[in-house]
C-alpha cells in the first residue's frame, strides 16, 4: 500500500522504495502520537502522501539549484533538469510512452488535486476514504477530482495539438 502510493507520485521504483522506508521509519518513531481518531491505514496514507510530496519538492529544489549553478559554472556538463523516466514494473512497453505523458501532466496538477485523483482513479479508494485521508469533506473530494479531470483533459488536449 505504501510503496504503490509512493510509486504513483514519483514514478520511479528506487525513489518509491526510499519513500516507503522513510514512511515506515516515521511510523515506528511516531506510533505513540497516533490518536486513534481514524484507522491506522488512513494515518499511514497521510504520512505517505506527505513524504511523497516532500520528496518531489526537494527534487524540484535540487533541479532549480542545478539550473542556476549551470549559469555560474562552466564545467557543468551534467544534465540537471531532465524529465524522469516513468519506471513502473507493471506497465507494458507499448503503453509506457502514453503513460509518461499522462503522468507528466498529473505531476503538474496542484498537490490536492493530484492526491485526490491518484487515490480515486489509481488506488481505487472511495470518496469517503479519500476524505478521511485528506481530512476534507466528501464534497470537497468530488470537487477536487472533477477539477483534476478537467485540468488534465485540457492539458492532454493541448499536448495533442503540438
C-alpha atoms as a PDB file:
ATOM      1  CA  UNK A   1       0.000   0.000   0.000  1.00  0.00           C
ATOM      2  CA  UNK A   2       2.737   2.500   0.970  1.00  0.00           C
ATOM      3  CA  UNK A   3       5.113   1.576  -1.837  1.00  0.00           C
ATOM      4  CA  UNK A   4       2.384   1.631  -4.511  1.00  0.00           C
ATOM      5  CA  UNK A   5       1.094   5.013  -3.393  1.00  0.00           C
ATOM      6  CA  UNK A   6       4.600   6.492  -3.342  1.00  0.00           C
ATOM      7  CA  UNK A   7       5.249   4.975  -6.774  1.00  0.00           C
ATOM      8  CA  UNK A   8       2.189   6.747  -8.153  1.00  0.00           C
ATOM      9  CA  UNK A   9       3.658  10.058  -7.003  1.00  0.00           C
ATOM     10  CA  UNK A  10       7.287   9.693  -8.081  1.00  0.00           C
ATOM     11  CA  UNK A  11       7.050   7.123 -10.911  1.00  0.00           C
ATOM     12  CA  UNK A  12      10.444   5.740 -10.029  1.00  0.00           C
ATOM     13  CA  UNK A  13      10.983   2.376  -8.342  1.00  0.00           C
ATOM     14  CA  UNK A  14      14.062   3.357  -6.313  1.00  0.00           C
ATOM     15  CA  UNK A  15      12.576   6.676  -5.172  1.00  0.00           C
ATOM     16  CA  UNK A  16       9.383   4.916  -4.093  1.00  0.00           C
ATOM     17  CA  UNK A  17      11.438   2.411  -2.097  1.00  0.00           C
ATOM     18  CA  UNK A  18      13.237   5.283  -0.376  1.00  0.00           C
ATOM     19  CA  UNK A  19       9.953   6.999   0.462  1.00  0.00           C
ATOM     20  CA  UNK A  20       8.448   3.740   1.760  1.00  0.00           C
ATOM     21  CA  UNK A  21      11.428   3.214   4.063  1.00  0.00           C
ATOM     22  CA  UNK A  22      11.111   6.788   5.295  1.00  0.00           C
ATOM     23  CA  UNK A  23       7.376   6.287   5.916  1.00  0.00           C
ATOM     24  CA  UNK A  24       7.892   3.155   7.995  1.00  0.00           C
ATOM     25  CA  UNK A  25      10.671   4.802   9.957  1.00  0.00           C
ATOM     26  CA  UNK A  26       8.347   7.730  10.689  1.00  0.00           C
ATOM     27  CA  UNK A  27       5.517   5.363  11.658  1.00  0.00           C
ATOM     28  CA  UNK A  28       7.849   3.490  14.015  1.00  0.00           C
ATOM     29  CA  UNK A  29       9.133   6.712  15.599  1.00  0.00           C
ATOM     30  CA  UNK A  30       5.692   8.354  15.836  1.00  0.00           C
ATOM     31  CA  UNK A  31       3.373   5.478  16.715  1.00  0.00           C
ATOM     32  CA  UNK A  32       2.979   6.880  20.230  1.00  0.00           C
ATOM     33  CA  UNK A  33       1.471  10.077  18.765  1.00  0.00           C
ATOM     34  CA  UNK A  34      -1.230   8.181  16.834  1.00  0.00           C
ATOM     35  CA  UNK A  35      -4.525   9.446  18.269  1.00  0.00           C
ATOM     36  CA  UNK A  36      -6.739   6.607  17.010  1.00  0.00           C
ATOM     37  CA  UNK A  37      -9.341   9.072  15.677  1.00  0.00           C
ATOM     38  CA  UNK A  38      -9.053   7.294  12.329  1.00  0.00           C
ATOM     39  CA  UNK A  39      -7.843   3.924  11.101  1.00  0.00           C
ATOM     40  CA  UNK A  40      -4.106   3.337  11.259  1.00  0.00           C
ATOM     41  CA  UNK A  41      -4.103   2.780   7.476  1.00  0.00           C
ATOM     42  CA  UNK A  42      -5.512   6.286   6.996  1.00  0.00           C
ATOM     43  CA  UNK A  43      -2.782   7.720   9.207  1.00  0.00           C
ATOM     44  CA  UNK A  44      -0.122   5.821   7.233  1.00  0.00           C
ATOM     45  CA  UNK A  45      -1.662   7.047   3.957  1.00  0.00           C
ATOM     46  CA  UNK A  46      -1.372  10.643   5.175  1.00  0.00           C
ATOM     47  CA  UNK A  47       2.272  10.108   6.098  1.00  0.00           C
ATOM     48  CA  UNK A  48       2.964   8.514   2.705  1.00  0.00           C
ATOM     49  CA  UNK A  49       1.325  11.380   0.816  1.00  0.00           C
ATOM     50  CA  UNK A  50       3.233  13.982   2.837  1.00  0.00           C
ATOM     51  CA  UNK A  51       6.557  12.164   2.410  1.00  0.00           C
ATOM     52  CA  UNK A  52       5.928  11.782  -1.337  1.00  0.00           C
ATOM     53  CA  UNK A  53       5.075  15.450  -1.769  1.00  0.00           C
ATOM     54  CA  UNK A  54       8.099  16.475   0.317  1.00  0.00           C
ATOM     55  CA  UNK A  55      10.323  14.237  -1.813  1.00  0.00           C
ATOM     56  CA  UNK A  56       9.008  15.821  -5.023  1.00  0.00           C
ATOM     57  CA  UNK A  57       9.509  19.345  -3.629  1.00  0.00           C
ATOM     58  CA  UNK A  58      13.073  18.527  -2.567  1.00  0.00           C
ATOM     59  CA  UNK A  59      13.830  17.102  -6.005  1.00  0.00           C
ATOM     60  CA  UNK A  60      12.432  20.234  -7.683  1.00  0.00           C
ATOM     61  CA  UNK A  61      14.576  22.448  -5.438  1.00  0.00           C
ATOM     62  CA  UNK A  62      17.665  20.472  -6.470  1.00  0.00           C
ATOM     63  CA  UNK A  63      16.763  20.908 -10.137  1.00  0.00           C
ATOM     64  CA  UNK A  64      16.264  24.663  -9.716  1.00  0.00           C
ATOM     65  CA  UNK A  65      19.586  24.929  -7.895  1.00  0.00           C
ATOM     66  CA  UNK A  66      21.272  22.892 -10.629  1.00  0.00           C
ATOM     67  CA  UNK A  67      19.746  25.119 -13.277  1.00  0.00           C
ATOM     68  CA  UNK A  68      21.024  28.246 -11.528  1.00  0.00           C
ATOM     69  CA  UNK A  69      24.501  26.865 -10.932  1.00  0.00           C
ATOM     70  CA  UNK A  70      24.794  25.938 -14.607  1.00  0.00           C
ATOM     71  CA  UNK A  71      24.804  29.677 -15.336  1.00  0.00           C
ATOM     72  CA  UNK A  72      27.619  30.329 -12.890  1.00  0.00           C
ATOM     73  CA  UNK A  73      29.897  27.352 -13.516  1.00  0.00           C
ATOM     74  CA  UNK A  74      31.357  26.469 -16.903  1.00  0.00           C
ATOM     75  CA  UNK A  75      32.148  22.812 -16.060  1.00  0.00           C
ATOM     76  CA  UNK A  76      28.500  21.890 -15.784  1.00  0.00           C
ATOM     77  CA  UNK A  77      28.166  19.205 -18.460  1.00  0.00           C
ATOM     78  CA  UNK A  78      25.783  17.157 -16.328  1.00  0.00           C
ATOM     79  CA  UNK A  79      22.078  17.175 -17.239  1.00  0.00           C
ATOM     80  CA  UNK A  80      20.413  18.542 -14.140  1.00  0.00           C
ATOM     81  CA  UNK A  81      16.834  19.150 -15.240  1.00  0.00           C
ATOM     82  CA  UNK A  82      15.997  16.031 -17.171  1.00  0.00           C
ATOM     83  CA  UNK A  83      12.455  14.668 -17.139  1.00  0.00           C
ATOM     84  CA  UNK A  84      12.484  11.426 -15.126  1.00  0.00           C
ATOM     85  CA  UNK A  85      11.587   8.267 -16.967  1.00  0.00           C
ATOM     86  CA  UNK A  86       8.471   6.508 -15.779  1.00  0.00           C
ATOM     87  CA  UNK A  87       9.842   3.400 -14.118  1.00  0.00           C
ATOM     88  CA  UNK A  88       6.876   1.283 -13.023  1.00  0.00           C
ATOM     89  CA  UNK A  89       7.179  -2.524 -13.110  1.00  0.00           C
ATOM     90  CA  UNK A  90       3.523  -3.126 -14.019  1.00  0.00           C
ATOM     91  CA  UNK A  91       3.499  -1.183 -17.273  1.00  0.00           C
ATOM     92  CA  UNK A  92       3.906  -2.823 -20.648  1.00  0.00           C
ATOM     93  CA  UNK A  93       6.355  -1.232 -23.041  1.00  0.00           C
ATOM     94  CA  UNK A  94       3.809  -0.168 -25.657  1.00  0.00           C
ATOM     95  CA  UNK A  95       1.803   1.810 -23.090  1.00  0.00           C
ATOM     96  CA  UNK A  96       4.828   3.342 -21.430  1.00  0.00           C
ATOM     97  CA  UNK A  97       5.147   6.402 -23.680  1.00  0.00           C
ATOM     98  CA  UNK A  98       1.475   7.343 -23.314  1.00  0.00           C
ATOM     99  CA  UNK A  99       1.593   6.877 -19.560  1.00  0.00           C
ATOM    100  CA  UNK A 100       4.717   9.012 -19.292  1.00  0.00           C
ATOM    101  CA  UNK A 101       2.834  11.883 -20.931  1.00  0.00           C
ATOM    102  CA  UNK A 102      -0.242  11.390 -18.747  1.00  0.00           C
ATOM    103  CA  UNK A 103       1.800  11.239 -15.535  1.00  0.00           C
ATOM    104  CA  UNK A 104       3.812  14.306 -16.538  1.00  0.00           C
ATOM    105  CA  UNK A 105       0.519  16.183 -16.703  1.00  0.00           C
ATOM    106  CA  UNK A 106      -0.739  14.625 -13.454  1.00  0.00           C
ATOM    107  CA  UNK A 107       2.505  15.723 -11.780  1.00  0.00           C
ATOM    108  CA  UNK A 108       1.771  19.315 -12.820  1.00  0.00           C
ATOM    109  CA  UNK A 109      -1.636  19.360 -11.123  1.00  0.00           C
ATOM    110  CA  UNK A 110      -1.951  21.147  -7.772  1.00  0.00           C
ATOM    111  CA  UNK A 111      -0.987  18.789  -4.924  1.00  0.00           C
ATOM    112  CA  UNK A 112      -4.512  18.353  -3.550  1.00  0.00           C
ATOM    113  CA  UNK A 113      -5.969  17.581  -6.999  1.00  0.00           C
ATOM    114  CA  UNK A 114      -3.136  15.163  -7.717  1.00  0.00           C
ATOM    115  CA  UNK A 115      -3.674  13.387  -4.398  1.00  0.00           C
ATOM    116  CA  UNK A 116      -7.448  13.072  -4.872  1.00  0.00           C
ATOM    117  CA  UNK A 117      -7.018  11.815  -8.443  1.00  0.00           C
ATOM    118  CA  UNK A 118      -4.352   9.247  -7.544  1.00  0.00           C
ATOM    119  CA  UNK A 119      -6.297   7.920  -4.560  1.00  0.00           C
ATOM    120  CA  UNK A 120      -9.515   7.726  -6.584  1.00  0.00           C
ATOM    121  CA  UNK A 121      -8.505   6.541 -10.040  1.00  0.00           C
ATOM    122  CA  UNK A 122      -5.249   4.696  -9.438  1.00  0.00           C
ATOM    123  CA  UNK A 123      -5.545   3.463  -5.860  1.00  0.00           C
ATOM    124  CA  UNK A 124      -9.344   2.869  -6.174  1.00  0.00           C
ATOM    125  CA  UNK A 125     -10.250   4.449  -2.825  1.00  0.00           C
ATOM    126  CA  UNK A 126     -13.825   5.555  -2.137  1.00  0.00           C
ATOM    127  CA  UNK A 127     -14.613   9.239  -1.791  1.00  0.00           C
ATOM    128  CA  UNK A 128     -15.255   8.690   1.924  1.00  0.00           C
ATOM    129  CA  UNK A 129     -11.825   7.097   2.372  1.00  0.00           C
ATOM    130  CA  UNK A 130     -10.175   9.902   0.399  1.00  0.00           C
ATOM    131  CA  UNK A 131     -11.992  12.492   2.515  1.00  0.00           C
ATOM    132  CA  UNK A 132     -10.713  10.852   5.676  1.00  0.00           C
ATOM    133  CA  UNK A 133      -7.155  10.536   4.339  1.00  0.00           C
ATOM    134  CA  UNK A 134      -7.058  14.151   3.142  1.00  0.00           C
ATOM    135  CA  UNK A 135      -9.008  15.421   6.153  1.00  0.00           C
ATOM    136  CA  UNK A 136     -11.640  17.176   3.996  1.00  0.00           C
ATOM    137  CA  UNK A 137     -15.340  16.640   3.194  1.00  0.00           C
ATOM    138  CA  UNK A 138     -16.573  14.201   0.572  1.00  0.00           C
ATOM    139  CA  UNK A 139     -17.987  17.143  -1.414  1.00  0.00           C
ATOM    140  CA  UNK A 140     -14.502  18.703  -1.448  1.00  0.00           C
ATOM    141  CA  UNK A 141     -13.102  15.372  -2.694  1.00  0.00           C
ATOM    142  CA  UNK A 142     -15.673  15.276  -5.521  1.00  0.00           C
ATOM    143  CA  UNK A 143     -14.773  18.836  -6.449  1.00  0.00           C
ATOM    144  CA  UNK A 144     -11.023  18.119  -6.422  1.00  0.00           C
ATOM    145  CA  UNK A 145     -11.433  15.037  -8.591  1.00  0.00           C
ATOM    146  CA  UNK A 146     -13.628  16.915 -11.056  1.00  0.00           C
ATOM    147  CA  UNK A 147     -11.177  19.850 -11.252  1.00  0.00           C
ATOM    148  CA  UNK A 148      -8.268  17.421 -11.675  1.00  0.00           C
ATOM    149  CA  UNK A 149     -10.068  15.649 -14.532  1.00  0.00           C
ATOM    150  CA  UNK A 150     -10.903  18.964 -16.198  1.00  0.00           C
ATOM    151  CA  UNK A 151      -7.356  20.296 -15.859  1.00  0.00           C
ATOM    152  CA  UNK A 152      -5.870  17.006 -17.037  1.00  0.00           C
ATOM    153  CA  UNK A 153      -8.213  16.893 -20.012  1.00  0.00           C
ATOM    154  CA  UNK A 154      -7.254  20.453 -21.014  1.00  0.00           C
ATOM    155  CA  UNK A 155      -3.536  19.699 -20.718  1.00  0.00           C
ATOM    156  CA  UNK A 156      -3.831  16.468 -22.699  1.00  0.00           C
ATOM    157  CA  UNK A 157      -5.816  18.202 -25.449  1.00  0.00           C
ATOM    158  CA  UNK A 158      -3.205  20.965 -25.640  1.00  0.00           C
ATOM    159  CA  UNK A 159      -0.334  18.486 -25.876  1.00  0.00           C
ATOM    160  CA  UNK A 160      -2.094  16.562 -28.662  1.00  0.00           C
ATOM    161  CA  UNK A 161      -2.243  19.744 -30.730  1.00  0.00           C
ATOM    162  CA  UNK A 162       1.538  20.235 -30.586  1.00  0.00           C
END
